[in-house]
Amino acid sequence: MSVLVNKDTRLLVQGLGRFGHFHADKSIAYGTNVVAAVHPSKAGQTAIFEGETDHSGVPNRADHYKEEVPIFATVKEAVAKTNANATVIFVPPPFAADAIMEAV
């Protein structure tokens, strides 16, 4: 099964540890619209992603990006506030099943 991300995709990142933060940052650099993150112990904070943009042949894309992404306690709250319509999960294995079920 493949999932296609396009200009209308509003991505939610579940888990903002080392891997989640790294991949959220790279997604933003490539132009993905990351609208929210979920990390229960960081809820209410904002994650800041900043760096050089990967143009990948996209005209008129800025050379530098700085995005502030709100962090929520639950997927339900994040979707209600941001209208996220896709998610990617970066949580430790013991919590993966619960994160997947919450996303569904």
C-alpha atoms as a PDB file:
ATOM      1  CA  MET A   1       0.000   0.000   0.000  1.00  0.00           C
ATOM      2  CA  SER A   2       1.403   3.386  -0.858  1.00  0.00           C
ATOM      3  CA  VAL A   3       0.395   6.706   0.558  1.00  0.00           C
ATOM      4  CA  LEU A   4       0.841   9.794  -1.553  1.00  0.00           C
ATOM      5  CA  VAL A   5       1.598  13.143   0.001  1.00  0.00           C
ATOM      6  CA  ASN A   6       0.620  16.209  -1.992  1.00  0.00           C
ATOM      7  CA  LYS A   7       0.251  19.953  -1.483  1.00  0.00           C
ATOM      8  CA  ASP A   8      -3.028  19.418   0.400  1.00  0.00           C
ATOM      9  CA  THR A   9      -1.592  16.977   2.944  1.00  0.00           C
ATOM     10  CA  ARG A  10      -1.563  18.307   6.515  1.00  0.00           C
ATOM     11  CA  LEU A  11       0.881  16.070   8.365  1.00  0.00           C
ATOM     12  CA  LEU A  12       0.806  15.209  12.061  1.00  0.00           C
ATOM     13  CA  VAL A  13       3.980  13.801  13.637  1.00  0.00           C
ATOM     14  CA  GLN A  14       3.400  11.383  16.516  1.00  0.00           C
ATOM     15  CA  GLY A  15       6.499  11.340  18.711  1.00  0.00           C
ATOM     16  CA  LEU A  16       9.120  14.083  18.765  1.00  0.00           C
ATOM     17  CA  GLY A  17      12.105  12.242  20.125  1.00  0.00           C
ATOM     18  CA  ARG A  18      15.382  12.179  18.225  1.00  0.00           C
ATOM     19  CA  PHE A  19      14.014  10.318  15.187  1.00  0.00           C
ATOM     20  CA  GLY A  20      10.673  12.117  15.066  1.00  0.00           C
ATOM     21  CA  HIS A  21      12.332  15.523  15.241  1.00  0.00           C
ATOM     22  CA  PHE A  22      14.895  14.567  12.572  1.00  0.00           C
ATOM     23  CA  HIS A  23      12.295  13.295  10.112  1.00  0.00           C
ATOM     24  CA  ALA A  24       9.848  16.145  10.774  1.00  0.00           C
ATOM     25  CA  ASP A  25      12.668  18.578  10.026  1.00  0.00           C
ATOM     26  CA  LYS A  26      13.599  16.800   6.777  1.00  0.00           C
ATOM     27  CA  SER A  27       9.938  16.657   5.742  1.00  0.00           C
ATOM     28  CA  ILE A  28       9.610  20.414   6.204  1.00  0.00           C
ATOM     29  CA  ALA A  29      12.873  20.981   4.306  1.00  0.00           C
ATOM     30  CA  TYR A  30      11.387  19.090   1.358  1.00  0.00           C
ATOM     31  CA  GLY A  31       8.155  21.078   1.495  1.00  0.00           C
ATOM     32  CA  THR A  32       5.778  18.855   3.470  1.00  0.00           C
ATOM     33  CA  ASN A  33       3.159  20.798   5.416  1.00  0.00           C
ATOM     34  CA  VAL A  34       3.759  19.614   8.997  1.00  0.00           C
ATOM     35  CA  VAL A  35       0.914  21.159  11.008  1.00  0.00           C
ATOM     36  CA  ALA A  36       1.161  19.470  14.413  1.00  0.00           C
ATOM     37  CA  ALA A  37       3.015  17.052  16.629  1.00  0.00           C
ATOM     38  CA  VAL A  38       1.893  14.812  19.475  1.00  0.00           C
ATOM     39  CA  HIS A  39       4.051  14.218  22.528  1.00  0.00           C
ATOM     40  CA  PRO A  40       2.120  13.999  25.819  1.00  0.00           C
ATOM     41  CA  SER A  41       4.939  15.293  28.023  1.00  0.00           C
ATOM     42  CA  LYS A  42       5.610  18.265  25.701  1.00  0.00           C
ATOM     43  CA  ALA A  43       1.974  19.295  25.124  1.00  0.00           C
ATOM     44  CA  GLY A  44       1.469  23.048  24.979  1.00  0.00           C
ATOM     45  CA  GLN A  45       4.977  23.680  23.703  1.00  0.00           C
ATOM     46  CA  THR A  46       6.076  24.542  20.185  1.00  0.00           C
ATOM     47  CA  ALA A  47       8.710  22.681  18.174  1.00  0.00           C
ATOM     48  CA  ILE A  48      10.862  24.954  16.025  1.00  0.00           C
ATOM     49  CA  PHE A  49      12.347  23.616  12.813  1.00  0.00           C
ATOM     50  CA  GLU A  50      14.846  25.756  10.951  1.00  0.00           C
ATOM     51  CA  GLY A  51      17.344  25.149   8.173  1.00  0.00           C
ATOM     52  CA  GLU A  52      18.154  25.249   4.504  1.00  0.00           C
ATOM     53  CA  THR A  53      15.419  24.228   2.093  1.00  0.00           C
ATOM     54  CA  ASP A  54      15.875  21.394  -0.376  1.00  0.00           C
ATOM     55  CA  HIS A  55      14.603  22.911  -3.604  1.00  0.00           C
ATOM     56  CA  SER A  56      14.218  19.607  -5.475  1.00  0.00           C
ATOM     57  CA  GLY A  57      13.358  21.519  -8.621  1.00  0.00           C
ATOM     58  CA  VAL A  58      10.482  23.431  -7.023  1.00  0.00           C
ATOM     59  CA  PRO A  59      10.456  27.001  -8.340  1.00  0.00           C
ATOM     60  CA  ASN A  60      10.023  29.963  -5.987  1.00  0.00           C
ATOM     61  CA  ARG A  61      10.775  27.993  -2.827  1.00  0.00           C
ATOM     62  CA  ALA A  62      12.626  30.036  -0.218  1.00  0.00           C
ATOM     63  CA  ASP A  63      16.261  29.165   0.532  1.00  0.00           C
ATOM     64  CA  HIS A  64      15.672  29.015   4.283  1.00  0.00           C
ATOM     65  CA  TYR A  65      12.786  27.774   6.392  1.00  0.00           C
ATOM     66  CA  LYS A  66      11.668  28.337   9.961  1.00  0.00           C
ATOM     67  CA  GLU A  67       8.502  26.574  11.057  1.00  0.00           C
ATOM     68  CA  GLU A  68       6.874  26.538  14.479  1.00  0.00           C
ATOM     69  CA  VAL A  69       4.798  23.411  15.007  1.00  0.00           C
ATOM     70  CA  PRO A  70       2.387  23.171  17.970  1.00  0.00           C
ATOM     71  CA  ILE A  71       2.660  20.096  20.186  1.00  0.00           C
ATOM     72  CA  PHE A  72      -0.491  18.437  21.521  1.00  0.00           C
ATOM     73  CA  ALA A  73      -1.171  15.740  24.116  1.00  0.00           C
ATOM     74  CA  THR A  74      -3.405  13.616  21.865  1.00  0.00           C
ATOM     75  CA  VAL A  75      -4.058  12.957  18.199  1.00  0.00           C
ATOM     76  CA  LYS A  76      -7.721  13.861  18.697  1.00  0.00           C
ATOM     77  CA  GLU A  77      -6.821  17.319  20.014  1.00  0.00           C
ATOM     78  CA  ALA A  78      -4.215  17.881  17.282  1.00  0.00           C
ATOM     79  CA  VAL A  79      -6.646  16.966  14.494  1.00  0.00           C
ATOM     80  CA  ALA A  80      -9.412  19.114  15.990  1.00  0.00           C
ATOM     81  CA  LYS A  81      -7.142  22.166  16.149  1.00  0.00           C
ATOM     82  CA  THR A  82      -5.172  21.750  12.888  1.00  0.00           C
ATOM     83  CA  ASN A  83      -7.288  19.595  10.541  1.00  0.00           C
ATOM     84  CA  ALA A  84      -4.355  17.212  10.068  1.00  0.00           C
ATOM     85  CA  ASN A  85      -5.245  14.524   7.529  1.00  0.00           C
ATOM     86  CA  ALA A  86      -2.177  12.254   7.645  1.00  0.00           C
ATOM     87  CA  THR A  87       0.182  11.043  10.335  1.00  0.00           C
ATOM     88  CA  VAL A  88       3.623   9.543  10.690  1.00  0.00           C
ATOM     89  CA  ILE A  89       4.569   7.696  13.862  1.00  0.00           C
ATOM     90  CA  PHE A  90       7.960   7.851  15.595  1.00  0.00           C
ATOM     91  CA  VAL A  91       7.376   6.408  19.050  1.00  0.00           C
ATOM     92  CA  PRO A  92       9.348   3.717  20.905  1.00  0.00           C
ATOM     93  CA  PRO A  93       8.251   0.139  20.116  1.00  0.00           C
ATOM     94  CA  PRO A  94       6.460  -0.438  23.452  1.00  0.00           C
ATOM     95  CA  PHE A  95       4.128   2.484  22.633  1.00  0.00           C
ATOM     96  CA  ALA A  96       3.713   1.894  18.891  1.00  0.00           C
ATOM     97  CA  ALA A  97       0.498  -0.143  19.040  1.00  0.00           C
ATOM     98  CA  ASP A  98      -1.256   2.491  21.144  1.00  0.00           C
ATOM     99  CA  ALA A  99      -0.026   5.275  18.839  1.00  0.00           C
ATOM    100  CA  ILE A 100      -1.302   3.410  15.789  1.00  0.00           C
ATOM    101  CA  MET A 101      -4.698   2.784  17.386  1.00  0.00           C
ATOM    102  CA  GLU A 102      -4.960   6.431  18.431  1.00  0.00           C
ATOM    103  CA  ALA A 103      -4.249   7.514  14.850  1.00  0.00           C
ATOM    104  CA  VAL A 104      -6.998   5.319  13.438  1.00  0.00           C
END
